[in-house]
Amino acid sequence: MAKFTVNNKVHTATKVSPFMANYGKELRMGGDIRRKGKVESVTEFVERMKKVHEEAEAALKKTQEEIKRYADRSRKETEKWEKGDRVLLSTKDLVFKERPTKRLMERYVELYTIEEVVLSNVVKLQLLSSMRIHLVVNVSQIVWYKEEGKPIEVEGVKEWEVEKILNKKKIRGVEKYLV
């Protein structure tokens, strides 16, 4: 009974039932087996089946375009990665035994170099052999490494040159700057 229901139900994408798409007629339950009626010729049947298949194919293409348009609304363009780019690896799916909680862990670890761009969304990294993860990772797991600039040595102390101070805040008597 379940097969009958599935095969007799009109599909939302093709607008015809699976039985109609395969055999060119509607599936009937019961009825007179010895029914007398006109039998269509083979050429008429073939033409009707071609028409049913063309309509189902057009309906499927329309549905695919609608689904693609809906899915593309939330997608963004992937960044262009190249061999030799320096990146940071996300700790989201990594397991570290020496760190007891994820809350106290860094979001990104180490500085790695892209060894090869496998696909537009998959890259192969030059990882340490001690890391027991696969060398090929999705680009959602990496971020660009932004160099902060080179430190300048002033009176024996390394300091960085600041372009602009964005904000200043006093926390527990110590001034903190956002640069």
N, C-alpha and C. Protein backbone atom coordinates (compact mmCIF):
# COMPACT_ATOMS: atom_id res chain seq x y z
N MET A 1 0.83 -1.19 0.00
CA MET A 1 0.00 0.00 0.00
C MET A 1 0.87 1.26 0.00
N ALA A 2 2.02 1.20 0.70
CA ALA A 2 2.89 2.36 0.74
C ALA A 2 3.50 2.62 -0.63
N LYS A 3 3.89 1.56 -1.36
CA LYS A 3 4.44 1.72 -2.70
C LYS A 3 3.40 2.35 -3.63
N PHE A 4 2.19 1.91 -3.50
CA PHE A 4 1.11 2.45 -4.33
C PHE A 4 0.96 3.95 -4.07
N THR A 5 0.98 4.33 -2.82
CA THR A 5 0.82 5.74 -2.46
C THR A 5 1.96 6.58 -3.00
N VAL A 6 3.17 6.09 -2.85
CA VAL A 6 4.34 6.84 -3.33
C VAL A 6 4.31 6.97 -4.85
N ASN A 7 4.00 5.87 -5.56
CA ASN A 7 4.01 5.88 -7.02
C ASN A 7 2.83 6.63 -7.62
N ASN A 8 1.77 6.81 -6.87
CA ASN A 8 0.57 7.47 -7.40
C ASN A 8 0.51 8.95 -7.04
N LYS A 9 1.37 9.40 -6.16
CA LYS A 9 1.35 10.81 -5.71
C LYS A 9 2.10 11.69 -6.71
N VAL A 10 1.51 12.83 -7.04
CA VAL A 10 2.14 13.77 -7.97
C VAL A 10 3.31 14.43 -7.26
N HIS A 11 4.50 14.37 -7.88
CA HIS A 11 5.71 14.94 -7.30
C HIS A 11 5.71 16.44 -7.49
N THR A 12 6.16 17.19 -6.49
CA THR A 12 6.12 18.66 -6.56
C THR A 12 7.10 19.21 -7.60
N ALA A 13 8.21 18.52 -7.83
CA ALA A 13 9.20 19.02 -8.78
C ALA A 13 8.82 18.71 -10.23
N THR A 14 8.37 17.48 -10.50
CA THR A 14 8.07 17.08 -11.88
C THR A 14 6.63 17.36 -12.29
N LYS A 15 5.76 17.56 -11.34
CA LYS A 15 4.33 17.81 -11.57
C LYS A 15 3.60 16.60 -12.15
N VAL A 16 4.22 15.42 -12.12
CA VAL A 16 3.56 14.17 -12.52
C VAL A 16 3.96 13.10 -11.51
N SER A 17 3.18 12.01 -11.49
CA SER A 17 3.50 10.92 -10.58
C SER A 17 4.64 10.09 -11.16
N PRO A 18 5.42 9.40 -10.32
CA PRO A 18 6.50 8.56 -10.84
C PRO A 18 6.00 7.46 -11.79
N PHE A 19 4.84 6.90 -11.50
CA PHE A 19 4.28 5.85 -12.36
C PHE A 19 3.94 6.42 -13.74
N MET A 20 3.37 7.62 -13.78
CA MET A 20 3.04 8.27 -15.05
C MET A 20 4.31 8.58 -15.85
N ALA A 21 5.37 9.02 -15.15
CA ALA A 21 6.63 9.34 -15.84
C ALA A 21 7.27 8.09 -16.42
N ASN A 22 7.10 6.93 -15.77
CA ASN A 22 7.72 5.69 -16.24
C ASN A 22 6.88 4.93 -17.26
N TYR A 23 5.58 4.87 -17.03
CA TYR A 23 4.74 3.99 -17.85
C TYR A 23 3.72 4.73 -18.71
N GLY A 24 3.58 6.02 -18.54
CA GLY A 24 2.68 6.79 -19.40
C GLY A 24 1.22 6.69 -19.06
N LYS A 25 0.87 6.14 -17.95
CA LYS A 25 -0.53 6.06 -17.53
C LYS A 25 -0.59 6.15 -16.02
N GLU A 26 -1.77 6.50 -15.52
CA GLU A 26 -1.95 6.62 -14.08
C GLU A 26 -2.14 5.24 -13.47
N LEU A 27 -1.65 5.06 -12.28
CA LEU A 27 -1.79 3.82 -11.55
C LEU A 27 -3.20 3.77 -10.97
N ARG A 28 -3.89 2.64 -11.22
CA ARG A 28 -5.25 2.52 -10.73
C ARG A 28 -5.34 1.39 -9.71
N MET A 29 -6.25 1.56 -8.78
CA MET A 29 -6.45 0.54 -7.76
C MET A 29 -7.80 -0.11 -8.03
N GLY A 30 -7.77 -1.40 -8.18
CA GLY A 30 -9.01 -2.12 -8.45
C GLY A 30 -9.46 -1.90 -9.88
N GLY A 31 -10.74 -1.96 -10.12
CA GLY A 31 -11.28 -1.75 -11.47
C GLY A 31 -11.47 -3.05 -12.20
N ASP A 32 -12.03 -2.97 -13.39
CA ASP A 32 -12.32 -4.14 -14.21
C ASP A 32 -11.10 -4.49 -15.05
N ILE A 33 -10.59 -5.69 -14.88
CA ILE A 33 -9.41 -6.15 -15.60
C ILE A 33 -9.75 -6.40 -17.07
N ARG A 34 -10.97 -6.86 -17.32
CA ARG A 34 -11.37 -7.22 -18.67
C ARG A 34 -11.95 -6.03 -19.42
N ARG A 35 -11.53 -4.86 -19.05
CA ARG A 35 -12.06 -3.64 -19.65
C ARG A 35 -11.76 -3.63 -21.14
N LYS A 36 -12.75 -3.33 -21.90
CA LYS A 36 -12.56 -3.25 -23.33
C LYS A 36 -12.48 -1.79 -23.70
N GLY A 37 -11.55 -1.46 -24.53
CA GLY A 37 -11.38 -0.08 -24.95
C GLY A 37 -10.36 0.00 -26.05
N LYS A 38 -10.17 1.19 -26.50
CA LYS A 38 -9.25 1.43 -27.60
C LYS A 38 -7.81 1.35 -27.08
N VAL A 39 -6.98 0.61 -27.79
CA VAL A 39 -5.57 0.50 -27.45
C VAL A 39 -4.82 1.44 -28.37
N GLU A 40 -3.99 2.32 -27.75
CA GLU A 40 -3.28 3.28 -28.59
C GLU A 40 -2.10 2.62 -29.30
N SER A 41 -1.73 3.21 -30.41
CA SER A 41 -0.62 2.64 -31.18
C SER A 41 0.71 2.96 -30.50
N VAL A 42 1.74 2.26 -30.94
CA VAL A 42 3.06 2.43 -30.35
C VAL A 42 3.58 3.85 -30.60
N THR A 43 3.37 4.36 -31.80
CA THR A 43 3.88 5.72 -32.11
C THR A 43 3.19 6.77 -31.26
N GLU A 44 1.89 6.63 -31.03
CA GLU A 44 1.17 7.57 -30.17
C GLU A 44 1.70 7.49 -28.74
N PHE A 45 1.93 6.26 -28.28
CA PHE A 45 2.46 6.07 -26.93
C PHE A 45 3.84 6.70 -26.78
N VAL A 46 4.71 6.48 -27.77
CA VAL A 46 6.07 7.03 -27.72
C VAL A 46 6.01 8.56 -27.72
N GLU A 47 5.17 9.14 -28.55
CA GLU A 47 5.04 10.61 -28.60
C GLU A 47 4.52 11.15 -27.26
N ARG A 48 3.54 10.47 -26.68
CA ARG A 48 2.99 10.92 -25.40
C ARG A 48 4.05 10.81 -24.29
N MET A 49 4.83 9.72 -24.31
CA MET A 49 5.89 9.55 -23.30
C MET A 49 6.98 10.61 -23.46
N LYS A 50 7.34 10.94 -24.71
CA LYS A 50 8.32 12.00 -24.94
C LYS A 50 7.82 13.32 -24.37
N LYS A 51 6.54 13.59 -24.58
CA LYS A 51 5.95 14.84 -24.08
C LYS A 51 5.97 14.86 -22.54
N VAL A 52 5.62 13.75 -21.92
CA VAL A 52 5.63 13.66 -20.45
C VAL A 52 7.04 13.87 -19.92
N HIS A 53 8.03 13.23 -20.56
CA HIS A 53 9.42 13.36 -20.11
C HIS A 53 9.95 14.78 -20.31
N GLU A 54 9.60 15.43 -21.42
CA GLU A 54 10.02 16.82 -21.65
C GLU A 54 9.43 17.76 -20.61
N GLU A 55 8.14 17.56 -20.29
CA GLU A 55 7.50 18.39 -19.27
C GLU A 55 8.14 18.17 -17.89
N ALA A 56 8.42 16.91 -17.57
CA ALA A 56 9.05 16.60 -16.28
C ALA A 56 10.46 17.20 -16.22
N GLU A 57 11.22 17.12 -17.33
CA GLU A 57 12.56 17.67 -17.37
C GLU A 57 12.54 19.20 -17.22
N ALA A 58 11.58 19.85 -17.89
CA ALA A 58 11.45 21.31 -17.77
C ALA A 58 11.09 21.70 -16.34
N ALA A 59 10.21 20.93 -15.72
CA ALA A 59 9.82 21.23 -14.34
C ALA A 59 11.00 21.03 -13.39
N LEU A 60 11.81 19.98 -13.62
CA LEU A 60 12.98 19.75 -12.77
C LEU A 60 14.02 20.86 -12.95
N LYS A 61 14.24 21.32 -14.18
CA LYS A 61 15.20 22.41 -14.41
C LYS A 61 14.74 23.69 -13.71
N LYS A 62 13.44 23.97 -13.78
CA LYS A 62 12.90 25.16 -13.12
C LYS A 62 13.11 25.06 -11.60
N THR A 63 12.84 23.87 -11.04
CA THR A 63 13.02 23.66 -9.61
C THR A 63 14.48 23.80 -9.22
N GLN A 64 15.39 23.26 -10.05
CA GLN A 64 16.83 23.38 -9.76
C GLN A 64 17.26 24.85 -9.74
N GLU A 65 16.78 25.63 -10.70
CA GLU A 65 17.13 27.06 -10.75
C GLU A 65 16.61 27.79 -9.51
N GLU A 66 15.40 27.46 -9.07
CA GLU A 66 14.83 28.09 -7.88
C GLU A 66 15.65 27.74 -6.64
N ILE A 67 16.03 26.47 -6.50
CA ILE A 67 16.82 26.03 -5.34
C ILE A 67 18.19 26.69 -5.36
N LYS A 68 18.81 26.78 -6.55
CA LYS A 68 20.12 27.42 -6.67
C LYS A 68 20.03 28.90 -6.29
N ARG A 69 19.01 29.58 -6.79
CA ARG A 69 18.83 31.00 -6.47
C ARG A 69 18.64 31.18 -4.96
N TYR A 70 17.87 30.32 -4.34
CA TYR A 70 17.63 30.39 -2.90
C TYR A 70 18.92 30.14 -2.12
N ALA A 71 19.70 29.11 -2.55
CA ALA A 71 20.94 28.76 -1.84
C ALA A 71 22.00 29.83 -2.04
N ASP A 72 22.05 30.45 -3.21
CA ASP A 72 23.08 31.45 -3.49
C ASP A 72 22.89 32.75 -2.71
N ARG A 73 21.72 32.96 -2.16
CA ARG A 73 21.49 34.19 -1.37
C ARG A 73 22.39 34.24 -0.14
N SER A 74 22.66 33.08 0.46
CA SER A 74 23.45 33.06 1.68
C SER A 74 24.92 32.74 1.43
N ARG A 75 25.29 32.50 0.17
CA ARG A 75 26.69 32.19 -0.13
C ARG A 75 27.46 33.45 -0.42
N LYS A 76 28.74 33.40 -0.12
CA LYS A 76 29.61 34.53 -0.44
C LYS A 76 30.76 34.03 -1.29
N GLU A 77 31.39 34.93 -1.97
CA GLU A 77 32.51 34.59 -2.84
C GLU A 77 33.69 34.12 -2.00
N THR A 78 34.33 33.05 -2.42
CA THR A 78 35.47 32.55 -1.68
C THR A 78 36.70 33.39 -2.00
N GLU A 79 37.58 33.48 -1.03
CA GLU A 79 38.81 34.25 -1.23
C GLU A 79 39.74 33.47 -2.14
N LYS A 80 40.59 34.19 -2.84
CA LYS A 80 41.54 33.57 -3.75
C LYS A 80 42.82 33.23 -2.98
N TRP A 81 43.04 31.96 -2.72
CA TRP A 81 44.22 31.51 -2.00
C TRP A 81 45.30 31.13 -3.01
N GLU A 82 46.55 31.35 -2.65
CA GLU A 82 47.66 31.01 -3.52
C GLU A 82 48.72 30.25 -2.73
N LYS A 83 49.55 29.53 -3.47
CA LYS A 83 50.64 28.79 -2.84
C LYS A 83 51.58 29.78 -2.18
N GLY A 84 51.97 29.50 -0.95
CA GLY A 84 52.89 30.38 -0.22
C GLY A 84 52.19 31.37 0.70
N ASP A 85 50.86 31.50 0.63
CA ASP A 85 50.14 32.39 1.54
C ASP A 85 50.31 31.90 2.97
N ARG A 86 50.42 32.83 3.90
CA ARG A 86 50.58 32.48 5.32
C ARG A 86 49.22 32.60 5.99
N VAL A 87 48.85 31.55 6.72
CA VAL A 87 47.52 31.48 7.33
C VAL A 87 47.60 30.96 8.76
N LEU A 88 46.52 31.21 9.50
CA LEU A 88 46.35 30.68 10.85
C LEU A 88 45.27 29.59 10.79
N LEU A 89 45.45 28.50 11.53
CA LEU A 89 44.52 27.37 11.53
C LEU A 89 43.57 27.49 12.72
N SER A 90 42.28 27.30 12.47
CA SER A 90 41.26 27.38 13.51
C SER A 90 41.36 26.19 14.46
N THR A 91 41.11 26.44 15.74
CA THR A 91 41.14 25.37 16.75
C THR A 91 39.75 24.79 17.00
N LYS A 92 38.77 25.21 16.22
CA LYS A 92 37.39 24.80 16.45
C LYS A 92 37.22 23.28 16.48
N ASP A 93 37.79 22.56 15.52
CA ASP A 93 37.63 21.11 15.46
C ASP A 93 38.87 20.34 15.89
N LEU A 94 39.84 21.01 16.46
CA LEU A 94 41.05 20.34 16.90
C LEU A 94 40.94 19.94 18.37
N VAL A 95 41.59 18.86 18.74
CA VAL A 95 41.58 18.38 20.12
C VAL A 95 43.00 18.52 20.68
N PHE A 96 43.11 19.24 21.81
CA PHE A 96 44.39 19.42 22.47
C PHE A 96 44.30 18.80 23.86
N LYS A 97 45.19 17.87 24.15
CA LYS A 97 45.15 17.19 25.45
C LYS A 97 45.71 18.07 26.55
N GLU A 98 46.65 18.95 26.21
CA GLU A 98 47.28 19.76 27.25
C GLU A 98 46.44 20.97 27.66
N ARG A 99 45.36 21.24 26.94
CA ARG A 99 44.51 22.39 27.30
C ARG A 99 43.19 21.84 27.83
N PRO A 100 42.86 22.14 29.09
CA PRO A 100 41.70 21.51 29.72
C PRO A 100 40.34 22.00 29.18
N THR A 101 40.22 23.29 28.83
CA THR A 101 38.92 23.78 28.38
C THR A 101 39.06 24.52 27.06
N LYS A 102 38.00 24.44 26.26
CA LYS A 102 38.00 25.15 24.98
C LYS A 102 37.85 26.66 25.19
N ARG A 103 37.20 27.06 26.25
CA ARG A 103 36.97 28.49 26.50
C ARG A 103 38.26 29.26 26.70
N LEU A 104 39.28 28.61 27.26
CA LEU A 104 40.54 29.28 27.54
C LEU A 104 41.55 29.11 26.41
N MET A 105 41.17 28.43 25.36
CA MET A 105 42.07 28.16 24.26
C MET A 105 42.03 29.29 23.22
N GLU A 106 43.11 29.44 22.48
CA GLU A 106 43.16 30.43 21.41
C GLU A 106 42.21 30.01 20.29
N ARG A 107 41.72 30.99 19.52
CA ARG A 107 40.85 30.65 18.40
C ARG A 107 41.63 30.08 17.23
N TYR A 108 42.83 30.58 17.04
CA TYR A 108 43.67 30.13 15.93
C TYR A 108 45.05 29.79 16.45
N VAL A 109 45.66 28.76 15.87
CA VAL A 109 46.99 28.35 16.30
C VAL A 109 47.99 28.45 15.16
N GLU A 110 49.23 28.73 15.57
CA GLU A 110 50.39 28.65 14.70
C GLU A 110 50.23 29.39 13.38
N LEU A 111 51.33 29.56 12.73
CA LEU A 111 51.40 30.19 11.43
C LEU A 111 51.83 29.12 10.44
N TYR A 112 50.99 28.85 9.46
CA TYR A 112 51.28 27.82 8.47
C TYR A 112 51.30 28.43 7.08
N THR A 113 51.94 27.70 6.17
CA THR A 113 52.04 28.14 4.78
C THR A 113 51.22 27.20 3.91
N ILE A 114 50.53 27.77 2.92
CA ILE A 114 49.76 26.95 1.99
C ILE A 114 50.74 26.30 1.02
N GLU A 115 50.70 24.98 1.00
CA GLU A 115 51.59 24.20 0.13
C GLU A 115 51.00 24.06 -1.27
N GLU A 116 49.66 23.92 -1.32
CA GLU A 116 49.00 23.70 -2.61
C GLU A 116 47.53 24.08 -2.49
N VAL A 117 46.96 24.66 -3.55
CA VAL A 117 45.53 24.93 -3.60
C VAL A 117 44.91 23.77 -4.36
N VAL A 118 44.16 22.92 -3.64
CA VAL A 118 43.56 21.73 -4.24
C VAL A 118 42.33 22.11 -5.04
N LEU A 119 41.41 22.82 -4.42
CA LEU A 119 40.20 23.37 -5.06
C LEU A 119 40.04 24.80 -4.59
N SER A 120 39.01 25.47 -5.08
CA SER A 120 38.81 26.86 -4.66
C SER A 120 38.48 26.98 -3.17
N ASN A 121 37.96 25.88 -2.58
CA ASN A 121 37.62 25.92 -1.16
C ASN A 121 38.40 24.92 -0.31
N VAL A 122 39.44 24.32 -0.88
CA VAL A 122 40.25 23.34 -0.16
C VAL A 122 41.73 23.61 -0.43
N VAL A 123 42.52 23.65 0.65
CA VAL A 123 43.96 23.89 0.50
C VAL A 123 44.74 22.85 1.29
N LYS A 124 45.99 22.64 0.87
CA LYS A 124 46.89 21.73 1.57
C LYS A 124 47.91 22.58 2.30
N LEU A 125 48.06 22.36 3.61
CA LEU A 125 48.96 23.15 4.44
C LEU A 125 50.25 22.40 4.75
N GLN A 126 51.30 23.15 5.04
CA GLN A 126 52.55 22.56 5.51
C GLN A 126 52.45 22.51 7.04
N LEU A 127 51.99 21.37 7.54
CA LEU A 127 51.80 21.21 8.98
C LEU A 127 52.97 20.45 9.59
N LEU A 128 53.11 20.60 10.89
CA LEU A 128 54.13 19.83 11.62
C LEU A 128 53.73 18.37 11.65
N SER A 129 54.70 17.50 11.64
CA SER A 129 54.40 16.06 11.68
C SER A 129 53.80 15.66 13.03
N SER A 130 54.04 16.46 14.06
CA SER A 130 53.49 16.13 15.38
C SER A 130 51.98 16.38 15.44
N MET A 131 51.46 17.21 14.54
CA MET A 131 50.01 17.44 14.51
C MET A 131 49.36 16.28 13.79
N ARG A 132 48.46 15.62 14.45
CA ARG A 132 47.83 14.44 13.88
C ARG A 132 46.50 14.80 13.22
N ILE A 133 46.58 15.68 12.23
CA ILE A 133 45.40 16.02 11.46
C ILE A 133 45.76 15.91 9.99
N HIS A 134 44.76 15.90 9.15
CA HIS A 134 44.97 15.80 7.72
C HIS A 134 45.55 17.11 7.19
N LEU A 135 46.44 17.00 6.22
CA LEU A 135 47.09 18.19 5.66
C LEU A 135 46.13 19.05 4.84
N VAL A 136 45.10 18.44 4.28
CA VAL A 136 44.14 19.16 3.44
C VAL A 136 42.98 19.62 4.31
N VAL A 137 42.72 20.95 4.29
CA VAL A 137 41.65 21.52 5.12
C VAL A 137 40.76 22.43 4.27
N ASN A 138 39.55 22.61 4.73
CA ASN A 138 38.63 23.54 4.08
C ASN A 138 39.02 24.96 4.44
N VAL A 139 38.75 25.91 3.53
CA VAL A 139 39.16 27.29 3.76
C VAL A 139 38.38 27.94 4.90
N SER A 140 37.28 27.32 5.33
CA SER A 140 36.55 27.86 6.47
C SER A 140 37.35 27.66 7.76
N GLN A 141 38.36 26.78 7.75
CA GLN A 141 39.17 26.50 8.93
C GLN A 141 40.43 27.36 9.02
N ILE A 142 40.65 28.25 8.03
CA ILE A 142 41.86 29.08 8.05
C ILE A 142 41.49 30.55 7.86
N VAL A 143 42.37 31.42 8.32
CA VAL A 143 42.23 32.86 8.11
C VAL A 143 43.58 33.41 7.68
N TRP A 144 43.53 34.54 6.96
CA TRP A 144 44.77 35.19 6.54
C TRP A 144 45.58 35.61 7.76
N TYR A 145 46.87 35.53 7.65
CA TYR A 145 47.75 36.04 8.69
C TYR A 145 48.09 37.48 8.33
N LYS A 146 47.74 38.39 9.21
CA LYS A 146 48.00 39.81 8.98
C LYS A 146 49.23 40.21 9.77
N GLU A 147 50.23 40.64 9.08
CA GLU A 147 51.44 41.07 9.76
C GLU A 147 51.20 42.43 10.39
N GLU A 148 51.63 42.55 11.62
CA GLU A 148 51.43 43.79 12.37
C GLU A 148 52.48 44.84 12.03
N GLY A 149 53.47 44.48 11.31
CA GLY A 149 54.56 45.40 11.03
C GLY A 149 55.81 44.95 11.78
N LYS A 150 56.91 45.57 11.46
CA LYS A 150 58.17 45.19 12.11
C LYS A 150 58.44 46.13 13.27
N PRO A 151 58.89 45.55 14.37
CA PRO A 151 59.16 46.40 15.53
C PRO A 151 60.40 47.27 15.31
N ILE A 152 60.36 48.45 15.95
CA ILE A 152 61.49 49.37 15.92
C ILE A 152 62.16 49.30 17.29
N GLU A 153 63.48 49.28 17.32
CA GLU A 153 64.17 49.20 18.59
C GLU A 153 64.50 50.62 19.07
N VAL A 154 63.92 50.99 20.22
CA VAL A 154 64.15 52.30 20.81
C VAL A 154 64.74 52.09 22.20
N GLU A 155 65.95 52.55 22.40
CA GLU A 155 66.66 52.43 23.68
C GLU A 155 66.71 50.98 24.17
N GLY A 156 66.93 50.06 23.23
CA GLY A 156 67.07 48.65 23.59
C GLY A 156 65.75 47.92 23.80
N VAL A 157 64.61 48.59 23.58
CA VAL A 157 63.30 47.97 23.77
C VAL A 157 62.60 47.94 22.41
N LYS A 158 62.00 46.79 22.08
CA LYS A 158 61.27 46.68 20.81
C LYS A 158 59.91 47.38 20.95
N GLU A 159 59.62 48.28 20.03
CA GLU A 159 58.36 49.00 20.01
C GLU A 159 57.83 49.02 18.58
N TRP A 160 56.51 49.17 18.46
CA TRP A 160 55.88 49.23 17.15
C TRP A 160 55.44 50.65 16.87
N GLU A 161 55.53 51.03 15.62
CA GLU A 161 55.08 52.35 15.21
C GLU A 161 53.57 52.28 15.00
N VAL A 162 52.84 53.24 15.58
CA VAL A 162 51.39 53.24 15.55
C VAL A 162 50.90 54.26 14.54
N GLU A 163 49.98 53.83 13.67
CA GLU A 163 49.42 54.76 12.69
C GLU A 163 48.39 55.68 13.33
N LYS A 164 47.48 55.09 14.16
CA LYS A 164 46.40 55.88 14.73
C LYS A 164 45.88 55.21 16.01
N ILE A 165 45.56 55.99 17.02
CA ILE A 165 44.96 55.48 18.25
C ILE A 165 43.46 55.62 18.09
N LEU A 166 42.75 54.48 18.12
CA LEU A 166 41.30 54.50 17.91
C LEU A 166 40.53 54.73 19.21
N ASN A 167 41.04 54.22 20.31
CA ASN A 167 40.32 54.35 21.57
C ASN A 167 41.30 54.22 22.73
N LYS A 168 40.92 54.82 23.88
CA LYS A 168 41.75 54.74 25.08
C LYS A 168 40.83 54.45 26.25
N LYS A 169 41.26 53.52 27.14
CA LYS A 169 40.43 53.12 28.25
C LYS A 169 41.33 52.89 29.45
N LYS A 170 40.84 53.22 30.65
CA LYS A 170 41.60 52.99 31.87
C LYS A 170 40.97 51.81 32.59
N ILE A 171 41.76 50.73 32.75
CA ILE A 171 41.29 49.52 33.42
C ILE A 171 42.20 49.28 34.61
N ARG A 172 41.60 49.32 35.83
CA ARG A 172 42.32 49.10 37.09
C ARG A 172 43.56 49.98 37.19
N GLY A 173 43.42 51.21 36.76
CA GLY A 173 44.49 52.17 36.89
C GLY A 173 45.53 52.10 35.77
N VAL A 174 45.35 51.18 34.81
CA VAL A 174 46.31 51.07 33.71
C VAL A 174 45.61 51.50 32.42
N GLU A 175 46.27 52.40 31.68
CA GLU A 175 45.69 52.86 30.42
C GLU A 175 45.93 51.84 29.33
N LYS A 176 44.84 51.49 28.61
CA LYS A 176 44.87 50.55 27.48
C LYS A 176 44.51 51.31 26.22
N TYR A 177 45.20 51.02 25.14
CA TYR A 177 44.98 51.71 23.87
C TYR A 177 44.54 50.72 22.80
N LEU A 178 43.59 51.15 21.98
CA LEU A 178 43.17 50.40 20.81
C LEU A 178 43.77 51.09 19.61
N VAL A 179 44.68 50.39 18.92
CA VAL A 179 45.39 51.02 17.78
C VAL A 179 44.99 50.36 16.48
